[in-house]
Amino acid sequence: METTWTCSWFERLLRLKKSGDNAPVAFADRSPFSAVYYGAHGHLLEPVIREHINEVLEQAGIRIVTVHVSVSLPA
């Protein structure tokens, strides 16, 4: 299931670009690396995800930046 979800993530990104939406920045609440963190065998996908990110940059000109935000709440 992680593979399917990851492929869908990239497909949605490419459809957004193809739709003609020329917004310089798009935000997503999940990264393709979510499959690595939450999937039972997600670690197997990490090299594939990294290669997809490189391909999307080279072939579609889309730069993907993953940001992890950690918030500490007072006790």
PDB file of N, CA and C in Angstrom:
ATOM      1  N   MET A   1       0.812  -1.202   0.000  1.00  0.00           N
ATOM      2  CA  MET A   1       0.000   0.000   0.000  1.00  0.00           C
ATOM      3  C   MET A   1       0.856   1.267   0.000  1.00  0.00           C
ATOM      4  N   GLU A   2       2.019   1.204   0.637  1.00  0.00           N
ATOM      5  CA  GLU A   2       2.878   2.387   0.679  1.00  0.00           C
ATOM      6  C   GLU A   2       3.328   2.792  -0.724  1.00  0.00           C
ATOM      7  N   THR A   3       3.623   1.797  -1.560  1.00  0.00           N
ATOM      8  CA  THR A   3       4.066   2.076  -2.925  1.00  0.00           C
ATOM      9  C   THR A   3       2.962   2.784  -3.703  1.00  0.00           C
ATOM     10  N   THR A   4       1.752   2.303  -3.581  1.00  0.00           N
ATOM     11  CA  THR A   4       0.612   2.909  -4.276  1.00  0.00           C
ATOM     12  C   THR A   4       0.412   4.345  -3.818  1.00  0.00           C
ATOM     13  N   TRP A   5       0.467   4.569  -2.507  1.00  0.00           N
ATOM     14  CA  TRP A   5       0.266   5.922  -1.983  1.00  0.00           C
ATOM     15  C   TRP A   5       1.358   6.860  -2.496  1.00  0.00           C
ATOM     16  N   THR A   6       2.601   6.395  -2.503  1.00  0.00           N
ATOM     17  CA  THR A   6       3.725   7.221  -2.947  1.00  0.00           C
ATOM     18  C   THR A   6       3.575   7.585  -4.423  1.00  0.00           C
ATOM     19  N   CYS A   7       3.226   6.618  -5.243  1.00  0.00           N
ATOM     20  CA  CYS A   7       3.034   6.894  -6.671  1.00  0.00           C
ATOM     21  C   CYS A   7       1.912   7.906  -6.880  1.00  0.00           C
ATOM     22  N   SER A   8       0.844   7.777  -6.125  1.00  0.00           N
ATOM     23  CA  SER A   8      -0.273   8.732  -6.222  1.00  0.00           C
ATOM     24  C   SER A   8       0.157  10.134  -5.832  1.00  0.00           C
ATOM     25  N   TRP A   9       1.017  10.230  -4.837  1.00  0.00           N
ATOM     26  CA  TRP A   9       1.510  11.543  -4.389  1.00  0.00           C
ATOM     27  C   TRP A   9       2.209  12.246  -5.549  1.00  0.00           C
ATOM     28  N   PHE A  10       3.103  11.524  -6.227  1.00  0.00           N
ATOM     29  CA  PHE A  10       3.826  12.116  -7.354  1.00  0.00           C
ATOM     30  C   PHE A  10       2.895  12.399  -8.531  1.00  0.00           C
ATOM     31  N   GLU A  11       1.929  11.542  -8.778  1.00  0.00           N
ATOM     32  CA  GLU A  11       0.968  11.777  -9.864  1.00  0.00           C
ATOM     33  C   GLU A  11       0.174  13.055  -9.625  1.00  0.00           C
ATOM     34  N   ARG A  12      -0.277  13.275  -8.383  1.00  0.00           N
ATOM     35  CA  ARG A  12      -1.018  14.504  -8.065  1.00  0.00           C
ATOM     36  C   ARG A  12      -0.156  15.734  -8.301  1.00  0.00           C
ATOM     37  N   LEU A  13       1.100  15.654  -7.925  1.00  0.00           N
ATOM     38  CA  LEU A  13       2.017  16.772  -8.136  1.00  0.00           C
ATOM     39  C   LEU A  13       2.175  17.078  -9.627  1.00  0.00           C
ATOM     40  N   LEU A  14       2.366  16.049 -10.424  1.00  0.00           N
ATOM     41  CA  LEU A  14       2.537  16.245 -11.861  1.00  0.00           C
ATOM     42  C   LEU A  14       1.253  16.739 -12.521  1.00  0.00           C
ATOM     43  N   ARG A  15       0.095  16.276 -12.053  1.00  0.00           N
ATOM     44  CA  ARG A  15      -1.178  16.780 -12.596  1.00  0.00           C
ATOM     45  C   ARG A  15      -1.358  18.258 -12.270  1.00  0.00           C
ATOM     46  N   LEU A  16      -0.939  18.666 -11.073  1.00  0.00           N
ATOM     47  CA  LEU A  16      -1.025  20.075 -10.689  1.00  0.00           C
ATOM     48  C   LEU A  16      -0.209  20.925 -11.657  1.00  0.00           C
ATOM     49  N   LYS A  17       0.988  20.478 -11.972  1.00  0.00           N
ATOM     50  CA  LYS A  17       1.855  21.202 -12.902  1.00  0.00           C
ATOM     51  C   LYS A  17       1.228  21.226 -14.297  1.00  0.00           C
ATOM     52  N   LYS A  18       0.695  20.095 -14.732  1.00  0.00           N
ATOM     53  CA  LYS A  18       0.108  19.980 -16.066  1.00  0.00           C
ATOM     54  C   LYS A  18      -1.150  20.826 -16.200  1.00  0.00           C
ATOM     55  N   SER A  19      -1.859  21.047 -15.103  1.00  0.00           N
ATOM     56  CA  SER A  19      -3.110  21.799 -15.142  1.00  0.00           C
ATOM     57  C   SER A  19      -2.892  23.264 -15.512  1.00  0.00           C
ATOM     58  N   GLY A  20      -1.637  23.688 -15.534  1.00  0.00           N
ATOM     59  CA  GLY A  20      -1.349  25.071 -15.876  1.00  0.00           C
ATOM     60  C   GLY A  20      -1.295  25.983 -14.674  1.00  0.00           C
ATOM     61  N   ASP A  21      -1.432  25.424 -13.493  1.00  0.00           N
ATOM     62  CA  ASP A  21      -1.327  26.225 -12.280  1.00  0.00           C
ATOM     63  C   ASP A  21       0.129  26.667 -12.154  1.00  0.00           C
ATOM     64  N   ASN A  22       0.374  27.931 -12.356  1.00  0.00           N
ATOM     65  CA  ASN A  22       1.742  28.442 -12.353  1.00  0.00           C
ATOM     66  C   ASN A  22       2.155  29.019 -11.008  1.00  0.00           C
ATOM     67  N   ALA A  23       1.498  28.570  -9.949  1.00  0.00           N
ATOM     68  CA  ALA A  23       1.875  29.034  -8.614  1.00  0.00           C
ATOM     69  C   ALA A  23       3.324  28.642  -8.361  1.00  0.00           C
ATOM     70  N   PRO A  24       4.134  29.577  -7.864  1.00  0.00           N
ATOM     71  CA  PRO A  24       5.550  29.268  -7.661  1.00  0.00           C
ATOM     72  C   PRO A  24       5.806  28.281  -6.510  1.00  0.00           C
ATOM     73  N   VAL A  25       4.842  28.186  -5.586  1.00  0.00           N
ATOM     74  CA  VAL A  25       5.019  27.309  -4.431  1.00  0.00           C
ATOM     75  C   VAL A  25       3.701  26.588  -4.162  1.00  0.00           C
ATOM     76  N   ALA A  26       3.805  25.320  -3.853  1.00  0.00           N
ATOM     77  CA  ALA A  26       2.641  24.541  -3.425  1.00  0.00           C
ATOM     78  C   ALA A  26       3.016  23.847  -2.118  1.00  0.00           C
ATOM     79  N   PHE A  27       2.063  23.760  -1.224  1.00  0.00           N
ATOM     80  CA  PHE A  27       2.305  23.118   0.059  1.00  0.00           C
ATOM     81  C   PHE A  27       1.476  21.843   0.156  1.00  0.00           C
ATOM     82  N   ALA A  28       2.064  20.828   0.732  1.00  0.00           N
ATOM     83  CA  ALA A  28       1.354  19.578   0.988  1.00  0.00           C
ATOM     84  C   ALA A  28       1.525  19.244   2.466  1.00  0.00           C
ATOM     85  N   ASP A  29       0.511  18.662   3.036  1.00  0.00           N
ATOM     86  CA  ASP A  29       0.605  18.335   4.463  1.00  0.00           C
ATOM     87  C   ASP A  29       1.365  17.038   4.703  1.00  0.00           C
ATOM     88  N   ARG A  30       1.642  16.292   3.636  1.00  0.00           N
ATOM     89  CA  ARG A  30       2.395  15.049   3.767  1.00  0.00           C
ATOM     90  C   ARG A  30       3.477  15.012   2.703  1.00  0.00           C
ATOM     91  N   SER A  31       4.562  14.412   3.035  1.00  0.00           N
ATOM     92  CA  SER A  31       5.687  14.224   2.121  1.00  0.00           C
ATOM     93  C   SER A  31       5.634  12.793   1.595  1.00  0.00           C
ATOM     94  N   PRO A  32       6.254  12.529   0.442  1.00  0.00           N
ATOM     95  CA  PRO A  32       6.313  11.130   0.010  1.00  0.00           C
ATOM     96  C   PRO A  32       7.062  10.261   1.025  1.00  0.00           C
ATOM     97  N   PHE A  33       7.891  10.892   1.842  1.00  0.00           N
ATOM     98  CA  PHE A  33       8.621  10.147   2.867  1.00  0.00           C
ATOM     99  C   PHE A  33       7.707   9.659   3.994  1.00  0.00           C
ATOM    100  N   SER A  34       6.454  10.100   4.013  1.00  0.00           N
ATOM    101  CA  SER A  34       5.505   9.586   4.999  1.00  0.00           C
ATOM    102  C   SER A  34       5.404   8.068   4.901  1.00  0.00           C
ATOM    103  N   ALA A  35       5.504   7.551   3.684  1.00  0.00           N
ATOM    104  CA  ALA A  35       5.445   6.096   3.491  1.00  0.00           C
ATOM    105  C   ALA A  35       6.622   5.407   4.163  1.00  0.00           C
ATOM    106  N   VAL A  36       7.758   6.083   4.216  1.00  0.00           N
ATOM    107  CA  VAL A  36       8.937   5.520   4.883  1.00  0.00           C
ATOM    108  C   VAL A  36       8.702   5.469   6.388  1.00  0.00           C
ATOM    109  N   TYR A  37       8.143   6.540   6.930  1.00  0.00           N
ATOM    110  CA  TYR A  37       7.977   6.646   8.371  1.00  0.00           C
ATOM    111  C   TYR A  37       6.832   5.787   8.909  1.00  0.00           C
ATOM    112  N   TYR A  38       5.736   5.706   8.151  1.00  0.00           N
ATOM    113  CA  TYR A  38       4.543   5.050   8.664  1.00  0.00           C
ATOM    114  C   TYR A  38       4.327   3.631   8.135  1.00  0.00           C
ATOM    115  N   GLY A  39       4.974   3.261   7.059  1.00  0.00           N
ATOM    116  CA  GLY A  39       4.769   1.938   6.487  1.00  0.00           C
ATOM    117  C   GLY A  39       5.587   0.869   7.191  1.00  0.00           C
ATOM    118  N   ALA A  40       5.044  -0.320   7.241  1.00  0.00           N
ATOM    119  CA  ALA A  40       5.730  -1.425   7.894  1.00  0.00           C
ATOM    120  C   ALA A  40       7.072  -1.738   7.235  1.00  0.00           C
ATOM    121  N   HIS A  41       7.128  -1.600   5.927  1.00  0.00           N
ATOM    122  CA  HIS A  41       8.370  -1.852   5.189  1.00  0.00           C
ATOM    123  C   HIS A  41       8.765  -0.605   4.391  1.00  0.00           C
ATOM    124  N   GLY A  42       8.411   0.547   4.922  1.00  0.00           N
ATOM    125  CA  GLY A  42       8.650   1.802   4.227  1.00  0.00           C
ATOM    126  C   GLY A  42      10.102   2.086   3.917  1.00  0.00           C
ATOM    127  N   HIS A  43      10.999   1.564   4.736  1.00  0.00           N
ATOM    128  CA  HIS A  43      12.430   1.821   4.512  1.00  0.00           C
ATOM    129  C   HIS A  43      12.870   1.335   3.130  1.00  0.00           C
ATOM    130  N   LEU A  44      12.157   0.378   2.576  1.00  0.00           N
ATOM    131  CA  LEU A  44      12.497  -0.120   1.241  1.00  0.00           C
ATOM    132  C   LEU A  44      12.192   0.907   0.159  1.00  0.00           C
ATOM    133  N   LEU A  45      11.284   1.835   0.453  1.00  0.00           N
ATOM    134  CA  LEU A  45      10.889   2.841  -0.530  1.00  0.00           C
ATOM    135  C   LEU A  45      11.801   4.063  -0.565  1.00  0.00           C
ATOM    136  N   GLU A  46      12.578   4.279   0.460  1.00  0.00           N
ATOM    137  CA  GLU A  46      13.360   5.517   0.528  1.00  0.00           C
ATOM    138  C   GLU A  46      14.216   5.761  -0.713  1.00  0.00           C
ATOM    139  N   PRO A  47      14.997   4.798  -1.203  1.00  0.00           N
ATOM    140  CA  PRO A  47      15.798   5.076  -2.398  1.00  0.00           C
ATOM    141  C   PRO A  47      14.937   5.334  -3.630  1.00  0.00           C
ATOM    142  N   VAL A  48      13.784   4.684  -3.707  1.00  0.00           N
ATOM    143  CA  VAL A  48      12.879   4.899  -4.840  1.00  0.00           C
ATOM    144  C   VAL A  48      12.309   6.311  -4.791  1.00  0.00           C
ATOM    145  N   ILE A  49      11.919   6.759  -3.615  1.00  0.00           N
ATOM    146  CA  ILE A  49      11.385   8.112  -3.448  1.00  0.00           C
ATOM    147  C   ILE A  49      12.441   9.143  -3.811  1.00  0.00           C
ATOM    148  N   ARG A  50      13.657   8.946  -3.356  1.00  0.00           N
ATOM    149  CA  ARG A  50      14.733   9.896  -3.686  1.00  0.00           C
ATOM    150  C   ARG A  50      14.952   9.963  -5.201  1.00  0.00           C
ATOM    151  N   GLU A  51      14.875   8.828  -5.868  1.00  0.00           N
ATOM    152  CA  GLU A  51      15.035   8.817  -7.327  1.00  0.00           C
ATOM    153  C   GLU A  51      13.867   9.518  -8.006  1.00  0.00           C
ATOM    154  N   HIS A  52      12.652   9.308  -7.513  1.00  0.00           N
ATOM    155  CA  HIS A  52      11.487  10.018  -8.070  1.00  0.00           C
ATOM    156  C   HIS A  52      11.652  11.524  -7.926  1.00  0.00           C
ATOM    157  N   ILE A  53      12.127  11.955  -6.776  1.00  0.00           N
ATOM    158  CA  ILE A  53      12.329  13.394  -6.551  1.00  0.00           C
ATOM    159  C   ILE A  53      13.330  13.943  -7.567  1.00  0.00           C
ATOM    160  N   ASN A  54      14.408  13.213  -7.815  1.00  0.00           N
ATOM    161  CA  ASN A  54      15.397  13.652  -8.812  1.00  0.00           C
ATOM    162  C   ASN A  54      14.792  13.696 -10.214  1.00  0.00           C
ATOM    163  N   GLU A  55      14.008  12.692 -10.561  1.00  0.00           N
ATOM    164  CA  GLU A  55      13.382  12.646 -11.887  1.00  0.00           C
ATOM    165  C   GLU A  55      12.391  13.789 -12.077  1.00  0.00           C
ATOM    166  N   VAL A  56      11.596  14.086 -11.055  1.00  0.00           N
ATOM    167  CA  VAL A  56      10.622  15.172 -11.148  1.00  0.00           C
ATOM    168  C   VAL A  56      11.346  16.508 -11.359  1.00  0.00           C
ATOM    169  N   LEU A  57      12.472  16.685 -10.708  1.00  0.00           N
ATOM    170  CA  LEU A  57      13.251  17.906 -10.903  1.00  0.00           C
ATOM    171  C   LEU A  57      13.812  17.967 -12.319  1.00  0.00           C
ATOM    172  N   GLU A  58      14.444  16.890 -12.752  1.00  0.00           N
ATOM    173  CA  GLU A  58      15.084  16.879 -14.067  1.00  0.00           C
ATOM    174  C   GLU A  58      14.084  16.952 -15.215  1.00  0.00           C
ATOM    175  N   GLN A  59      12.974  16.234 -15.118  1.00  0.00           N
ATOM    176  CA  GLN A  59      12.061  16.119 -16.245  1.00  0.00           C
ATOM    177  C   GLN A  59      10.902  17.109 -16.223  1.00  0.00           C
ATOM    178  N   ALA A  60      10.522  17.581 -15.046  1.00  0.00           N
ATOM    179  CA  ALA A  60       9.389  18.493 -14.959  1.00  0.00           C
ATOM    180  C   ALA A  60       9.757  19.838 -14.355  1.00  0.00           C
ATOM    181  N   GLY A  61      10.988  19.968 -13.886  1.00  0.00           N
ATOM    182  CA  GLY A  61      11.415  21.235 -13.299  1.00  0.00           C
ATOM    183  C   GLY A  61      10.758  21.543 -11.965  1.00  0.00           C
ATOM    184  N   ILE A  62      10.315  20.511 -11.265  1.00  0.00           N
ATOM    185  CA  ILE A  62       9.664  20.699  -9.969  1.00  0.00           C
ATOM    186  C   ILE A  62      10.658  20.351  -8.868  1.00  0.00           C
ATOM    187  N   ARG A  63      10.927  21.314  -8.030  1.00  0.00           N
ATOM    188  CA  ARG A  63      11.844  21.104  -6.900  1.00  0.00           C
ATOM    189  C   ARG A  63      11.013  20.790  -5.673  1.00  0.00           C
ATOM    190  N   ILE A  64      11.267  19.645  -5.060  1.00  0.00           N
ATOM    191  CA  ILE A  64      10.537  19.217  -3.871  1.00  0.00           C
ATOM    192  C   ILE A  64      11.426  19.441  -2.653  1.00  0.00           C
ATOM    193  N   VAL A  65      10.883  20.147  -1.686  1.00  0.00           N
ATOM    194  CA  VAL A  65      11.591  20.406  -0.429  1.00  0.00           C
ATOM    195  C   VAL A  65      10.736  19.834   0.692  1.00  0.00           C
ATOM    196  N   THR A  66      11.325  18.964   1.481  1.00  0.00           N
ATOM    197  CA  THR A  66      10.615  18.375   2.615  1.00  0.00           C
ATOM    198  C   THR A  66      11.079  19.063   3.884  1.00  0.00           C
ATOM    199  N   VAL A  67      10.113  19.524   4.664  1.00  0.00           N
ATOM    200  CA  VAL A  67      10.406  20.240   5.902  1.00  0.00           C
ATOM    201  C   VAL A  67       9.724  19.502   7.048  1.00  0.00           C
ATOM    202  N   HIS A  68      10.473  19.241   8.095  1.00  0.00           N
ATOM    203  CA  HIS A  68       9.905  18.619   9.294  1.00  0.00           C
ATOM    204  C   HIS A  68       9.799  19.699  10.358  1.00  0.00           C
ATOM    205  N   VAL A  69       8.597  19.893  10.862  1.00  0.00           N
ATOM    206  CA  VAL A  69       8.365  20.888  11.887  1.00  0.00           C
ATOM    207  C   VAL A  69       8.106  20.168  13.202  1.00  0.00           C
ATOM    208  N   SER A  70       8.885  20.501  14.203  1.00  0.00           N
ATOM    209  CA  SER A  70       8.719  19.918  15.524  1.00  0.00           C
ATOM    210  C   SER A  70       8.362  21.028  16.496  1.00  0.00           C
ATOM    211  N   VAL A  71       7.314  20.797  17.235  1.00  0.00           N
ATOM    212  CA  VAL A  71       6.839  21.815  18.178  1.00  0.00           C
ATOM    213  C   VAL A  71       6.850  21.228  19.581  1.00  0.00           C
ATOM    214  N   SER A  72       7.448  21.944  20.511  1.00  0.00           N
ATOM    215  CA  SER A  72       7.432  21.539  21.914  1.00  0.00           C
ATOM    216  C   SER A  72       6.420  22.399  22.646  1.00  0.00           C
ATOM    217  N   LEU A  73       5.503  21.753  23.301  1.00  0.00           N
ATOM    218  CA  LEU A  73       4.497  22.483  24.062  1.00  0.00           C
ATOM    219  C   LEU A  73       4.905  22.548  25.527  1.00  0.00           C
ATOM    220  N   PRO A  74       4.645  23.662  26.175  1.00  0.00           N
ATOM    221  CA  PRO A  74       4.968  23.754  27.601  1.00  0.00           C
ATOM    222  C   PRO A  74       4.153  22.766  28.407  1.00  0.00           C
ATOM    223  N   ALA A  75       4.756  22.277  29.475  1.00  0.00           N
ATOM    224  CA  ALA A  75       4.069  21.284  30.335  1.00  0.00           C
ATOM    225  C   ALA A  75       2.945  21.884  31.127  1.00  0.00           C
TER     226      ALA A  75
END
